[in-house]
N, C-alpha and C. Protein backbone atom coordinates (compact mmCIF):
# COMPACT_ATOMS: atom_id res chain seq x y z
N UNK A 1 235.26 -56.90 99.07
CA UNK A 1 235.01 -57.25 100.57
C UNK A 1 233.96 -58.50 100.65
N UNK A 2 232.84 -58.11 99.80
CA UNK A 2 231.62 -59.03 99.81
C UNK A 2 232.30 -60.38 99.38
N UNK A 3 232.81 -60.36 98.28
CA UNK A 3 233.46 -61.47 97.52
C UNK A 3 234.27 -62.45 98.54
N UNK A 4 234.92 -61.56 99.07
CA UNK A 4 236.02 -62.20 100.14
C UNK A 4 235.10 -63.13 101.38
N UNK A 5 234.20 -62.48 101.80
CA UNK A 5 233.26 -62.92 102.82
C UNK A 5 232.56 -64.29 102.40
N UNK A 6 232.23 -64.06 101.19
CA UNK A 6 231.24 -64.99 100.49
C UNK A 6 232.15 -66.32 100.40
N UNK A 7 233.33 -65.98 99.71
CA UNK A 7 234.39 -67.10 99.60
C UNK A 7 234.75 -67.97 101.05
N UNK A 8 235.04 -66.97 102.01
CA UNK A 8 235.21 -67.56 103.35
C UNK A 8 234.21 -68.53 103.88
N UNK A 9 232.88 -67.93 103.43
CA UNK A 9 231.69 -68.81 103.93
C UNK A 9 231.56 -69.92 103.24
N UNK A 10 232.29 -70.40 102.29
CA UNK A 10 232.22 -71.52 101.33
C UNK A 10 231.50 -71.54 100.24
N UNK A 11 231.25 -70.51 99.59
CA UNK A 11 230.56 -70.20 98.50
C UNK A 11 231.74 -70.18 97.03
N UNK A 12 231.54 -70.96 96.22
CA UNK A 12 232.68 -71.03 95.04
C UNK A 12 231.91 -70.45 93.74
N UNK A 13 232.54 -70.45 92.79
CA UNK A 13 232.27 -70.07 91.48
C UNK A 13 231.28 -70.61 91.08
N UNK A 14 231.62 -72.37 91.18
CA UNK A 14 230.82 -73.33 90.49
C UNK A 14 229.39 -73.30 91.33
N UNK A 15 229.25 -72.97 92.62
CA UNK A 15 227.86 -72.86 93.20
C UNK A 15 226.94 -71.68 92.26
N UNK A 16 227.74 -70.62 92.22
CA UNK A 16 226.94 -69.46 91.34
C UNK A 16 226.71 -69.70 90.10
N UNK A 17 227.56 -70.38 89.60
CA UNK A 17 227.20 -70.95 88.03
C UNK A 17 225.89 -71.88 88.17
N UNK A 18 225.97 -72.78 89.07
CA UNK A 18 224.94 -73.81 89.19
C UNK A 18 223.62 -72.91 89.51
N UNK A 19 223.63 -72.05 90.34
CA UNK A 19 222.55 -71.41 90.64
C UNK A 19 222.04 -70.54 89.43
N UNK A 20 222.66 -69.96 88.82
CA UNK A 20 222.48 -69.20 87.41
C UNK A 20 221.48 -70.21 86.64
N UNK A 21 222.33 -71.22 86.05
CA UNK A 21 221.60 -72.36 85.45
C UNK A 21 220.14 -72.49 85.99
N UNK A 22 220.17 -73.06 87.22
CA UNK A 22 219.08 -73.43 87.58
C UNK A 22 217.86 -72.45 87.92
N UNK A 23 218.22 -71.11 88.06
CA UNK A 23 217.28 -70.03 87.78
C UNK A 23 216.93 -69.63 86.38
N UNK A 24 217.43 -70.16 85.33
CA UNK A 24 217.08 -70.17 84.09
C UNK A 24 215.64 -71.15 83.93
N UNK A 25 215.99 -72.27 84.26
CA UNK A 25 215.05 -73.62 84.63
C UNK A 25 213.90 -72.90 85.27
N UNK A 26 214.12 -72.43 86.52
CA UNK A 26 213.07 -72.07 87.30
C UNK A 26 212.22 -70.97 86.84
N UNK A 27 212.69 -70.14 86.07
CA UNK A 27 212.00 -69.12 85.46
C UNK A 27 211.06 -69.57 84.35
N UNK A 28 211.47 -70.64 83.66
CA UNK A 28 210.51 -71.35 82.59
C UNK A 28 209.22 -71.88 83.53
N UNK A 29 209.85 -72.73 84.74
CA UNK A 29 208.94 -73.42 85.35
C UNK A 29 207.78 -72.10 86.01
N UNK A 30 208.27 -71.29 86.60
CA UNK A 30 207.65 -70.21 87.15
C UNK A 30 206.52 -69.56 85.79
N UNK A 31 206.86 -69.23 84.87
CA UNK A 31 206.09 -68.89 83.96
C UNK A 31 204.99 -69.86 83.56
N UNK A 32 205.36 -71.22 83.31
CA UNK A 32 204.44 -72.15 82.77
C UNK A 32 203.49 -72.58 83.89
N UNK A 33 204.07 -72.45 85.19
CA UNK A 33 202.97 -72.59 86.35
C UNK A 33 201.99 -71.62 86.38
N UNK A 34 202.52 -70.34 86.20
CA UNK A 34 201.59 -69.28 86.44
C UNK A 34 200.51 -69.12 85.26
N UNK A 35 200.77 -69.69 84.11
CA UNK A 35 200.02 -69.77 83.04
C UNK A 35 198.74 -70.54 83.27
N UNK A 36 199.33 -71.84 83.50
CA UNK A 36 198.44 -72.86 83.86
C UNK A 36 197.63 -72.67 85.22
N UNK A 37 198.15 -72.34 86.24
CA UNK A 37 197.51 -72.31 87.46
C UNK A 37 196.77 -71.13 88.12
N UNK A 38 196.91 -70.13 87.31
CA UNK A 38 196.27 -68.77 87.51
C UNK A 38 195.36 -68.39 86.55
N UNK A 39 194.33 -67.68 86.83
CA UNK A 39 193.32 -67.10 85.67
C UNK A 39 193.87 -65.76 85.47
N UNK A 40 194.96 -65.09 85.97
CA UNK A 40 195.46 -63.76 85.68
C UNK A 40 195.81 -63.46 84.34
N UNK A 41 196.22 -64.43 83.61
CA UNK A 41 196.50 -64.32 82.05
C UNK A 41 198.00 -64.15 81.68
N UNK A 42 198.18 -64.51 80.75
CA UNK A 42 199.63 -64.51 80.28
C UNK A 42 200.58 -63.33 80.77
N UNK A 43 199.78 -61.98 80.84
CA UNK A 43 200.66 -60.78 81.38
C UNK A 43 201.39 -61.04 82.69
N UNK A 44 200.63 -61.73 83.52
CA UNK A 44 201.14 -62.09 85.02
C UNK A 44 202.15 -63.21 84.81
N UNK A 45 202.08 -64.07 83.90
CA UNK A 45 203.03 -65.21 83.87
C UNK A 45 204.14 -64.72 83.33
N UNK A 46 204.24 -63.78 82.51
CA UNK A 46 205.46 -63.08 81.95
C UNK A 46 206.10 -62.30 83.02
N UNK A 47 205.39 -61.85 83.80
CA UNK A 47 205.81 -60.82 84.89
C UNK A 47 206.76 -61.81 85.93
N UNK A 48 206.25 -62.96 86.22
CA UNK A 48 206.70 -64.08 87.03
C UNK A 48 208.20 -64.57 86.42
N UNK A 49 208.01 -65.03 85.13
CA UNK A 49 209.04 -65.56 84.41
C UNK A 49 210.34 -64.47 84.17
N UNK A 50 209.99 -63.33 84.15
CA UNK A 50 211.05 -62.24 83.99
C UNK A 50 211.63 -61.96 85.43
N UNK A 51 210.84 -61.81 86.25
CA UNK A 51 211.44 -61.76 87.87
C UNK A 51 212.33 -62.82 88.19
N UNK A 52 211.93 -63.94 87.87
CA UNK A 52 212.84 -65.08 88.25
C UNK A 52 214.12 -65.12 87.17
N UNK A 53 213.83 -64.93 86.08
CA UNK A 53 214.79 -64.78 84.89
C UNK A 53 215.95 -63.68 85.13
N UNK A 54 215.72 -62.77 85.95
CA UNK A 54 216.64 -61.71 86.31
C UNK A 54 217.61 -62.26 87.09
N UNK A 55 217.37 -63.21 87.96
CA UNK A 55 218.36 -63.74 88.98
C UNK A 55 219.68 -64.38 88.24
N UNK A 56 219.56 -64.69 86.97
CA UNK A 56 220.46 -65.45 86.36
C UNK A 56 221.82 -64.41 86.09
N UNK A 57 221.55 -63.56 85.45
CA UNK A 57 222.84 -62.83 85.31
C UNK A 57 223.43 -62.28 86.87
N UNK A 58 222.65 -62.06 87.77
CA UNK A 58 223.27 -61.90 88.95
C UNK A 58 224.05 -63.06 89.42
N UNK A 59 223.91 -64.19 89.16
CA UNK A 59 224.59 -65.38 89.96
C UNK A 59 225.57 -65.38 88.86
N UNK A 60 225.44 -65.23 87.57
CA UNK A 60 226.63 -65.17 86.49
C UNK A 60 227.95 -64.24 87.06
N UNK A 61 227.22 -63.05 87.42
CA UNK A 61 228.15 -62.07 87.78
C UNK A 61 229.00 -62.38 88.98
N UNK A 62 228.33 -62.84 89.96
CA UNK A 62 228.80 -63.36 91.10
C UNK A 62 229.78 -64.62 90.79
N UNK A 63 229.39 -65.39 90.15
CA UNK A 63 230.40 -66.30 89.89
C UNK A 63 231.62 -65.96 89.03
N UNK A 64 231.62 -65.11 88.20
CA UNK A 64 232.90 -64.24 87.58
C UNK A 64 233.60 -63.76 88.67
N UNK A 65 232.75 -62.96 89.52
CA UNK A 65 233.79 -62.51 90.74
C UNK A 65 234.27 -63.41 91.46
N UNK A 66 233.64 -64.40 92.05
CA UNK A 66 234.21 -65.60 92.71
C UNK A 66 235.27 -66.05 91.83
N UNK A 67 235.14 -66.24 90.74
CA UNK A 67 236.24 -66.94 89.73
C UNK A 67 237.64 -66.18 89.67
N UNK A 68 237.32 -64.82 89.78
CA UNK A 68 238.62 -64.18 89.52
C UNK A 68 239.21 -64.01 91.12
N UNK A 69 238.50 -64.05 92.04
CA UNK A 69 238.90 -64.10 93.51
C UNK A 69 239.45 -65.45 93.82
N UNK A 70 239.25 -66.42 93.11
CA UNK A 70 239.93 -67.98 93.32
C UNK A 70 241.26 -68.03 92.59
N UNK A 71 241.31 -67.16 91.78
CA UNK A 71 242.77 -67.25 90.89
C UNK A 71 243.77 -66.65 91.55
N UNK A 72 243.22 -65.59 92.61
CA UNK A 72 244.24 -64.69 93.19
C UNK A 72 244.82 -65.47 94.35
């Protein structure tokens, strides 16, 4: 039901895959920016990188679900 609504709203599997790849790059940028821009240390930078990095599997899963829906 959710996948159907997202597809009807115009979201396609290619969009989700692109978001997944972009979130991997964003995770690195968030980590590097936190290391250089904050004095909180590497631990905080690691948490930022992991937080953003967890988006990628979600987008990949969404892309797979949309891809299956598009085949039907």
